[in-house]
Amino acid sequence: MSVTLRNHIRESVLRTALLHQLKNGQKSPERAARNMEELLLRFHPCSMEQFHYTELLAMIKNCTLEECLNLIMKKLF
């Protein structure tokens, strides 16, 4: 499998997982922010420099689902 294809699959899996966490964030934003922080750490260990719990929580509470997802993916890639 080529590196490009592997990276595309990895990005797609991350996007899907984040989408599910953001949907759950409507019920429990605090738990969703913790789960997203852990998820980002697994997929991109350097993401902890870019995303912190408080920033993720603020995004979940103040942005739409699509805006949150786009902001996170834009910062990572």
Protein backbone atom coordinates (compact mmCIF):
# COMPACT_ATOMS: atom_id res chain seq x y z
CA MET A 1 0.00 0.00 0.00
CA SER A 2 1.41 3.39 -0.94
CA VAL A 3 2.20 6.01 1.67
CA THR A 4 -0.30 8.43 0.13
CA LEU A 5 -3.11 5.91 0.32
CA ARG A 6 -2.19 4.97 3.89
CA ASN A 7 -2.22 8.64 4.93
CA HIS A 8 -5.56 9.20 3.22
CA ILE A 9 -7.10 6.23 5.05
CA ARG A 10 -5.63 7.41 8.36
CA GLU A 11 -7.05 10.91 7.82
CA SER A 12 -10.45 9.47 6.89
CA VAL A 13 -10.56 7.27 9.99
CA LEU A 14 -9.58 10.21 12.20
CA ARG A 15 -12.24 12.44 10.62
CA THR A 16 -14.92 9.80 11.17
CA ALA A 17 -13.90 9.24 14.79
CA LEU A 18 -13.87 12.98 15.48
CA LEU A 19 -17.29 13.33 13.86
CA HIS A 20 -18.72 10.70 16.21
CA GLN A 21 -17.16 12.41 19.23
CA LEU A 22 -18.55 15.78 18.16
CA LYS A 23 -22.03 14.30 17.79
CA ASN A 24 -21.73 12.93 21.32
CA GLY A 25 -20.50 16.36 22.42
CA GLN A 26 -23.99 17.74 22.13
CA LYS A 27 -25.00 15.69 25.18
CA SER A 28 -21.78 15.86 27.20
CA PRO A 29 -19.26 18.41 25.91
CA GLU A 30 -16.76 17.77 28.72
CA ARG A 31 -16.58 14.04 28.07
CA ALA A 32 -16.36 14.60 24.32
CA ALA A 33 -13.46 17.04 24.77
CA ARG A 34 -11.56 14.50 26.91
CA ASN A 35 -12.22 11.73 24.39
CA MET A 36 -11.15 13.93 21.49
CA GLU A 37 -7.97 14.90 23.29
CA GLU A 38 -7.13 11.21 23.74
CA LEU A 39 -8.07 10.42 20.14
CA LEU A 40 -5.90 13.20 18.77
CA LEU A 41 -3.00 12.05 20.91
CA ARG A 42 -3.27 8.53 19.44
CA PHE A 43 -3.44 9.68 15.84
CA HIS A 44 -1.10 12.67 16.07
CA PRO A 45 1.12 12.70 19.16
CA CYS A 46 2.31 16.22 18.31
CA SER A 47 -1.31 17.44 18.34
CA MET A 48 -1.08 18.03 22.10
CA GLU A 49 0.94 21.13 21.28
CA GLN A 50 -1.96 22.36 19.13
CA PHE A 51 -5.02 21.21 21.07
CA HIS A 52 -5.75 21.34 24.76
CA TYR A 53 -8.83 20.20 26.65
CA THR A 54 -10.05 23.76 27.28
CA GLU A 55 -9.69 24.72 23.62
CA LEU A 56 -11.53 21.60 22.46
CA LEU A 57 -14.29 22.19 25.01
CA ALA A 58 -14.72 25.80 23.87
CA MET A 59 -14.90 24.69 20.23
CA ILE A 60 -17.53 22.06 21.04
CA LYS A 61 -19.66 24.56 22.95
CA ASN A 62 -19.32 27.51 20.57
CA CYS A 63 -18.98 26.09 17.05
CA THR A 64 -21.11 23.93 14.85
CA LEU A 65 -20.14 20.31 14.31
CA GLU A 66 -18.81 21.07 10.82
CA GLU A 67 -16.84 24.11 11.99
CA CYS A 68 -15.16 22.11 14.77
CA LEU A 69 -14.24 19.29 12.43
CA ASN A 70 -12.86 21.67 9.80
CA LEU A 71 -10.82 23.64 12.35
CA ILE A 72 -9.24 20.50 13.79
CA MET A 73 -8.43 18.97 10.39
CA LYS A 74 -7.03 22.26 9.10
CA LYS A 75 -4.65 22.53 12.07
CA LEU A 76 -3.51 18.92 11.73
CA PHE A 77 -3.02 18.74 7.98
